[in-house]
């Protein structure tokens, strides 16, 4: 099911949010022409609840290979 409020768009919104957090932490994250992250990113709330917590925990030498689960 696709559409504005579908599970697929909700997932892409979360991936984009996590991508923004990672970019703001200095990690290179590829984007498509629509501003969507190319690949999958999942950040468990046990690892980081927000961007600041992620910035404090993330390895600054991390290289995103298209699939990241923290």
PDB file of N, CA and C in Angstrom:
ATOM      1  N   UNK A   1       0.839  -1.174   0.000  1.00  0.00           N
ATOM      2  CA  UNK A   1       0.000   0.000   0.000  1.00  0.00           C
ATOM      3  C   UNK A   1       0.885   1.238   0.000  1.00  0.00           C
ATOM      4  N   UNK A   2       0.698   2.100  -0.965  1.00  0.00           N
ATOM      5  CA  UNK A   2       1.455   3.343  -1.051  1.00  0.00           C
ATOM      6  C   UNK A   2       0.516   4.521  -0.861  1.00  0.00           C
ATOM      7  N   UNK A   3       1.093   5.667  -0.678  1.00  0.00           N
ATOM      8  CA  UNK A   3       0.296   6.878  -0.519  1.00  0.00           C
ATOM      9  C   UNK A   3       0.863   7.739   0.581  1.00  0.00           C
ATOM     10  N   UNK A   4       0.226   8.870   0.784  1.00  0.00           N
ATOM     11  CA  UNK A   4       0.727   9.867   1.722  1.00  0.00           C
ATOM     12  C   UNK A   4       0.890   9.339   3.144  1.00  0.00           C
ATOM     13  N   UNK A   5      -0.021   8.518   3.601  1.00  0.00           N
ATOM     14  CA  UNK A   5       0.021   8.015   4.977  1.00  0.00           C
ATOM     15  C   UNK A   5       0.201   6.503   5.041  1.00  0.00           C
ATOM     16  N   UNK A   6       0.906   5.951   4.087  1.00  0.00           N
ATOM     17  CA  UNK A   6       1.088   4.502   4.027  1.00  0.00           C
ATOM     18  C   UNK A   6       2.283   4.065   4.881  1.00  0.00           C
ATOM     19  N   UNK A   7       2.379   2.788   5.184  1.00  0.00           N
ATOM     20  CA  UNK A   7       3.558   2.273   5.879  1.00  0.00           C
ATOM     21  C   UNK A   7       4.855   2.571   5.119  1.00  0.00           C
ATOM     22  N   UNK A   8       4.812   2.530   3.789  1.00  0.00           N
ATOM     23  CA  UNK A   8       6.020   2.791   2.990  1.00  0.00           C
ATOM     24  C   UNK A   8       6.492   4.232   3.147  1.00  0.00           C
ATOM     25  N   UNK A   9       5.570   5.187   3.138  1.00  0.00           N
ATOM     26  CA  UNK A   9       5.993   6.585   3.289  1.00  0.00           C
ATOM     27  C   UNK A   9       6.427   6.864   4.726  1.00  0.00           C
ATOM     28  N   UNK A  10       5.778   6.229   5.697  1.00  0.00           N
ATOM     29  CA  UNK A  10       6.194   6.394   7.091  1.00  0.00           C
ATOM     30  C   UNK A  10       7.614   5.867   7.283  1.00  0.00           C
ATOM     31  N   UNK A  11       7.904   4.725   6.679  1.00  0.00           N
ATOM     32  CA  UNK A  11       9.256   4.158   6.784  1.00  0.00           C
ATOM     33  C   UNK A  11      10.283   5.082   6.137  1.00  0.00           C
ATOM     34  N   UNK A  12       9.972   5.601   4.935  1.00  0.00           N
ATOM     35  CA  UNK A  12      10.901   6.504   4.256  1.00  0.00           C
ATOM     36  C   UNK A  12      11.120   7.772   5.081  1.00  0.00           C
ATOM     37  N   UNK A  13      10.068   8.276   5.707  1.00  0.00           N
ATOM     38  CA  UNK A  13      10.207   9.455   6.568  1.00  0.00           C
ATOM     39  C   UNK A  13      11.155   9.176   7.731  1.00  0.00           C
ATOM     40  N   UNK A  14      11.057   7.992   8.335  1.00  0.00           N
ATOM     41  CA  UNK A  14      11.960   7.635   9.437  1.00  0.00           C
ATOM     42  C   UNK A  14      13.392   7.488   8.940  1.00  0.00           C
ATOM     43  N   UNK A  15      13.576   6.842   7.792  1.00  0.00           N
ATOM     44  CA  UNK A  15      14.919   6.691   7.210  1.00  0.00           C
ATOM     45  C   UNK A  15      15.507   8.072   6.933  1.00  0.00           C
ATOM     46  N   UNK A  16      14.704   8.988   6.393  1.00  0.00           N
ATOM     47  CA  UNK A  16      15.185  10.341   6.108  1.00  0.00           C
ATOM     48  C   UNK A  16      15.549  11.089   7.388  1.00  0.00           C
ATOM     49  N   UNK A  17      14.747  10.916   8.441  1.00  0.00           N
ATOM     50  CA  UNK A  17      15.057  11.535   9.730  1.00  0.00           C
ATOM     51  C   UNK A  17      16.394  11.025  10.255  1.00  0.00           C
ATOM     52  N   UNK A  18      16.571   9.705  10.252  1.00  0.00           N
ATOM     53  CA  UNK A  18      17.827   9.135  10.737  1.00  0.00           C
ATOM     54  C   UNK A  18      18.996   9.558   9.852  1.00  0.00           C
ATOM     55  N   UNK A  19      18.768   9.656   8.551  1.00  0.00           N
ATOM     56  CA  UNK A  19      19.805  10.133   7.638  1.00  0.00           C
ATOM     57  C   UNK A  19      20.224  11.552   7.965  1.00  0.00           C
ATOM     58  N   UNK A  20      19.260  12.401   8.283  1.00  0.00           N
ATOM     59  CA  UNK A  20      19.560  13.787   8.656  1.00  0.00           C
ATOM     60  C   UNK A  20      20.384  13.824   9.943  1.00  0.00           C
ATOM     61  N   UNK A  21      20.009  13.003  10.921  1.00  0.00           N
ATOM     62  CA  UNK A  21      20.782  12.932  12.159  1.00  0.00           C
ATOM     63  C   UNK A  21      22.227  12.554  11.862  1.00  0.00           C
ATOM     64  N   UNK A  22      22.414  11.543  11.020  1.00  0.00           N
ATOM     65  CA  UNK A  22      23.765  11.074  10.694  1.00  0.00           C
ATOM     66  C   UNK A  22      24.547  12.130   9.923  1.00  0.00           C
ATOM     67  N   UNK A  23      23.917  12.783   8.951  1.00  0.00           N
ATOM     68  CA  UNK A  23      24.600  13.853   8.203  1.00  0.00           C
ATOM     69  C   UNK A  23      25.031  14.966   9.149  1.00  0.00           C
ATOM     70  N   UNK A  24      24.160  15.333  10.074  1.00  0.00           N
ATOM     71  CA  UNK A  24      24.493  16.383  11.036  1.00  0.00           C
ATOM     72  C   UNK A  24      25.611  15.958  11.983  1.00  0.00           C
ATOM     73  N   UNK A  25      25.830  14.656  12.110  1.00  0.00           N
ATOM     74  CA  UNK A  25      26.935  14.125  12.916  1.00  0.00           C
ATOM     75  C   UNK A  25      28.211  13.973  12.090  1.00  0.00           C
ATOM     76  N   UNK A  26      28.152  14.354  10.799  1.00  0.00           N
ATOM     77  CA  UNK A  26      29.340  14.314   9.951  1.00  0.00           C
ATOM     78  C   UNK A  26      29.488  13.066   9.108  1.00  0.00           C
ATOM     79  N   UNK A  27      28.468  12.218   9.064  1.00  0.00           N
ATOM     80  CA  UNK A  27      28.514  10.986   8.277  1.00  0.00           C
ATOM     81  C   UNK A  27      27.939  11.267   6.892  1.00  0.00           C
ATOM     82  N   UNK A  28      28.606  10.800   5.855  1.00  0.00           N
ATOM     83  CA  UNK A  28      28.136  10.987   4.484  1.00  0.00           C
ATOM     84  C   UNK A  28      26.996  10.007   4.190  1.00  0.00           C
ATOM     85  N   UNK A  29      25.845  10.565   3.809  1.00  0.00           N
ATOM     86  CA  UNK A  29      24.655   9.764   3.508  1.00  0.00           C
ATOM     87  C   UNK A  29      24.170  10.155   2.117  1.00  0.00           C
ATOM     88  N   UNK A  30      24.109   9.208   1.167  1.00  0.00           N
ATOM     89  CA  UNK A  30      23.664   9.541  -0.194  1.00  0.00           C
ATOM     90  C   UNK A  30      22.159   9.810  -0.244  1.00  0.00           C
ATOM     91  N   UNK A  31      21.794  10.766  -1.099  1.00  0.00           N
ATOM     92  CA  UNK A  31      20.395  11.158  -1.271  1.00  0.00           C
ATOM     93  C   UNK A  31      20.027  11.077  -2.743  1.00  0.00           C
ATOM     94  N   UNK A  32      18.742  10.828  -3.015  1.00  0.00           N
ATOM     95  CA  UNK A  32      18.275  10.851  -4.397  1.00  0.00           C
ATOM     96  C   UNK A  32      17.845  12.275  -4.777  1.00  0.00           C
ATOM     97  N   UNK A  33      17.328  12.447  -5.979  1.00  0.00           N
ATOM     98  CA  UNK A  33      16.930  13.771  -6.466  1.00  0.00           C
ATOM     99  C   UNK A  33      15.740  14.355  -5.717  1.00  0.00           C
ATOM    100  N   UNK A  34      15.037  13.538  -4.955  1.00  0.00           N
ATOM    101  CA  UNK A  34      13.879  13.998  -4.193  1.00  0.00           C
ATOM    102  C   UNK A  34      14.232  14.270  -2.731  1.00  0.00           C
ATOM    103  N   UNK A  35      15.508  14.119  -2.378  1.00  0.00           N
ATOM    104  CA  UNK A  35      15.941  14.348  -1.010  1.00  0.00           C
ATOM    105  C   UNK A  35      15.755  13.171  -0.086  1.00  0.00           C
ATOM    106  N   UNK A  36      15.501  11.995  -0.654  1.00  0.00           N
ATOM    107  CA  UNK A  36      15.353  10.785   0.153  1.00  0.00           C
ATOM    108  C   UNK A  36      16.683  10.054   0.273  1.00  0.00           C
ATOM    109  N   UNK A  37      16.921   9.477   1.438  1.00  0.00           N
ATOM    110  CA  UNK A  37      18.108   8.655   1.650  1.00  0.00           C
ATOM    111  C   UNK A  37      18.069   7.472   0.692  1.00  0.00           C
ATOM    112  N   UNK A  38      19.218   7.185   0.096  1.00  0.00           N
ATOM    113  CA  UNK A  38      19.359   5.991  -0.738  1.00  0.00           C
ATOM    114  C   UNK A  38      19.870   4.881   0.174  1.00  0.00           C
ATOM    115  N   UNK A  39      19.016   3.937   0.499  1.00  0.00           N
ATOM    116  CA  UNK A  39      19.374   2.847   1.393  1.00  0.00           C
ATOM    117  C   UNK A  39      18.430   2.796   2.580  1.00  0.00           C
ATOM    118  N   UNK A  40      18.795   1.996   3.553  1.00  0.00           N
ATOM    119  CA  UNK A  40      17.976   1.809   4.751  1.00  0.00           C
ATOM    120  C   UNK A  40      18.769   2.167   5.998  1.00  0.00           C
ATOM    121  N   UNK A  41      18.116   2.853   6.914  1.00  0.00           N
ATOM    122  CA  UNK A  41      18.725   3.196   8.200  1.00  0.00           C
ATOM    123  C   UNK A  41      17.684   2.946   9.283  1.00  0.00           C
ATOM    124  N   UNK A  42      18.081   2.224  10.309  1.00  0.00           N
ATOM    125  CA  UNK A  42      17.238   2.034  11.486  1.00  0.00           C
ATOM    126  C   UNK A  42      18.078   2.339  12.715  1.00  0.00           C
ATOM    127  N   UNK A  43      17.554   3.164  13.590  1.00  0.00           N
ATOM    128  CA  UNK A  43      18.239   3.479  14.839  1.00  0.00           C
ATOM    129  C   UNK A  43      17.311   3.092  15.983  1.00  0.00           C
ATOM    130  N   UNK A  44      17.723   2.093  16.732  1.00  0.00           N
ATOM    131  CA  UNK A  44      16.948   1.605  17.861  1.00  0.00           C
ATOM    132  C   UNK A  44      16.924   2.689  18.939  1.00  0.00           C
ATOM    133  N   UNK A  45      15.775   2.967  19.529  1.00  0.00           N
ATOM    134  CA  UNK A  45      15.727   3.974  20.586  1.00  0.00           C
ATOM    135  C   UNK A  45      16.584   3.613  21.798  1.00  0.00           C
ATOM    136  N   UNK A  46      16.958   2.346  21.946  1.00  0.00           N
ATOM    137  CA  UNK A  46      17.887   1.966  23.014  1.00  0.00           C
ATOM    138  C   UNK A  46      19.296   2.480  22.720  1.00  0.00           C
ATOM    139  N   UNK A  47      19.599   2.737  21.431  1.00  0.00           N
ATOM    140  CA  UNK A  47      20.902   3.287  21.055  1.00  0.00           C
ATOM    141  C   UNK A  47      20.882   4.804  21.146  1.00  0.00           C
ATOM    142  N   UNK A  48      19.862   5.437  20.583  1.00  0.00           N
ATOM    143  CA  UNK A  48      19.763   6.898  20.616  1.00  0.00           C
ATOM    144  C   UNK A  48      18.309   7.313  20.458  1.00  0.00           C
ATOM    145  N   UNK A  49      17.851   8.160  21.363  1.00  0.00           N
ATOM    146  CA  UNK A  49      16.484   8.668  21.292  1.00  0.00           C
ATOM    147  C   UNK A  49      16.367   9.929  20.446  1.00  0.00           C
ATOM    148  N   UNK A  50      17.495  10.627  20.268  1.00  0.00           N
ATOM    149  CA  UNK A  50      17.445  11.871  19.509  1.00  0.00           C
ATOM    150  C   UNK A  50      18.792  12.133  18.843  1.00  0.00           C
ATOM    151  N   UNK A  51      18.835  13.207  18.071  1.00  0.00           N
ATOM    152  CA  UNK A  51      20.035  13.540  17.301  1.00  0.00           C
ATOM    153  C   UNK A  51      21.242  13.794  18.197  1.00  0.00           C
ATOM    154  N   UNK A  52      21.037  14.479  19.303  1.00  0.00           N
ATOM    155  CA  UNK A  52      22.152  14.784  20.200  1.00  0.00           C
ATOM    156  C   UNK A  52      22.762  13.512  20.789  1.00  0.00           C
ATOM    157  N   UNK A  53      21.918  12.596  21.215  1.00  0.00           N
ATOM    158  CA  UNK A  53      22.422  11.340  21.774  1.00  0.00           C
ATOM    159  C   UNK A  53      23.174  10.543  20.710  1.00  0.00           C
ATOM    160  N   UNK A  54      22.653  10.538  19.488  1.00  0.00           N
ATOM    161  CA  UNK A  54      23.344   9.847  18.396  1.00  0.00           C
ATOM    162  C   UNK A  54      24.715  10.467  18.155  1.00  0.00           C
ATOM    163  N   UNK A  55      24.781  11.797  18.090  1.00  0.00           N
ATOM    164  CA  UNK A  55      26.052  12.495  17.858  1.00  0.00           C
ATOM    165  C   UNK A  55      27.090  12.118  18.908  1.00  0.00           C
ATOM    166  N   UNK A  56      26.650  11.954  20.149  1.00  0.00           N
ATOM    167  CA  UNK A  56      27.573  11.615  21.232  1.00  0.00           C
ATOM    168  C   UNK A  56      28.052  10.170  21.186  1.00  0.00           C
ATOM    169  N   UNK A  57      27.298   9.287  20.533  1.00  0.00           N
ATOM    170  CA  UNK A  57      27.633   7.860  20.526  1.00  0.00           C
ATOM    171  C   UNK A  57      28.233   7.353  19.222  1.00  0.00           C
ATOM    172  N   UNK A  58      27.977   8.030  18.118  1.00  0.00           N
ATOM    173  CA  UNK A  58      28.326   7.494  16.801  1.00  0.00           C
ATOM    174  C   UNK A  58      29.838   7.539  16.556  1.00  0.00           C
ATOM    175  N   UNK A  59      30.345   6.529  15.912  1.00  0.00           N
ATOM    176  CA  UNK A  59      31.740   6.503  15.472  1.00  0.00           C
ATOM    177  C   UNK A  59      31.875   7.473  14.301  1.00  0.00           C
ATOM    178  N   UNK A  60      32.681   8.499  14.461  1.00  0.00           N
ATOM    179  CA  UNK A  60      32.823   9.541  13.433  1.00  0.00           C
ATOM    180  C   UNK A  60      33.449   9.006  12.145  1.00  0.00           C
ATOM    181  N   UNK A  61      34.010   7.802  12.185  1.00  0.00           N
ATOM    182  CA  UNK A  61      34.620   7.195  10.990  1.00  0.00           C
ATOM    183  C   UNK A  61      33.674   6.206  10.308  1.00  0.00           C
ATOM    184  N   UNK A  62      32.441   6.145  10.765  1.00  0.00           N
ATOM    185  CA  UNK A  62      31.446   5.251  10.180  1.00  0.00           C
ATOM    186  C   UNK A  62      31.266   5.560   8.699  1.00  0.00           C
ATOM    187  N   UNK A  63      31.215   4.514   7.890  1.00  0.00           N
ATOM    188  CA  UNK A  63      30.939   4.677   6.460  1.00  0.00           C
ATOM    189  C   UNK A  63      29.644   3.946   6.149  1.00  0.00           C
ATOM    190  N   UNK A  64      28.667   4.694   5.650  1.00  0.00           N
ATOM    191  CA  UNK A  64      27.361   4.138   5.320  1.00  0.00           C
ATOM    192  C   UNK A  64      27.465   3.369   4.020  1.00  0.00           C
ATOM    193  N   UNK A  65      27.066   2.086   4.043  1.00  0.00           N
ATOM    194  CA  UNK A  65      27.172   1.237   2.852  1.00  0.00           C
ATOM    195  C   UNK A  65      25.808   0.928   2.235  1.00  0.00           C
ATOM    196  N   UNK A  66      24.780   1.680   2.646  1.00  0.00           N
ATOM    197  CA  UNK A  66      23.453   1.466   2.096  1.00  0.00           C
ATOM    198  C   UNK A  66      22.496   0.768   3.039  1.00  0.00           C
ATOM    199  N   UNK A  67      23.034   0.208   4.129  1.00  0.00           N
ATOM    200  CA  UNK A  67      22.188  -0.483   5.096  1.00  0.00           C
ATOM    201  C   UNK A  67      22.820  -0.339   6.475  1.00  0.00           C
ATOM    202  N   UNK A  68      22.125   0.338   7.379  1.00  0.00           N
ATOM    203  CA  UNK A  68      22.672   0.575   8.708  1.00  0.00           C
ATOM    204  C   UNK A  68      21.599   0.328   9.754  1.00  0.00           C
ATOM    205  N   UNK A  69      21.947  -0.450  10.748  1.00  0.00           N
ATOM    206  CA  UNK A  69      21.052  -0.699  11.869  1.00  0.00           C
ATOM    207  C   UNK A  69      21.844  -0.505  13.153  1.00  0.00           C
ATOM    208  N   UNK A  70      21.422   0.445  13.943  1.00  0.00           N
ATOM    209  CA  UNK A  70      22.105   0.730  15.210  1.00  0.00           C
ATOM    210  C   UNK A  70      21.167   0.436  16.368  1.00  0.00           C
TER     211      UNK A  70
END
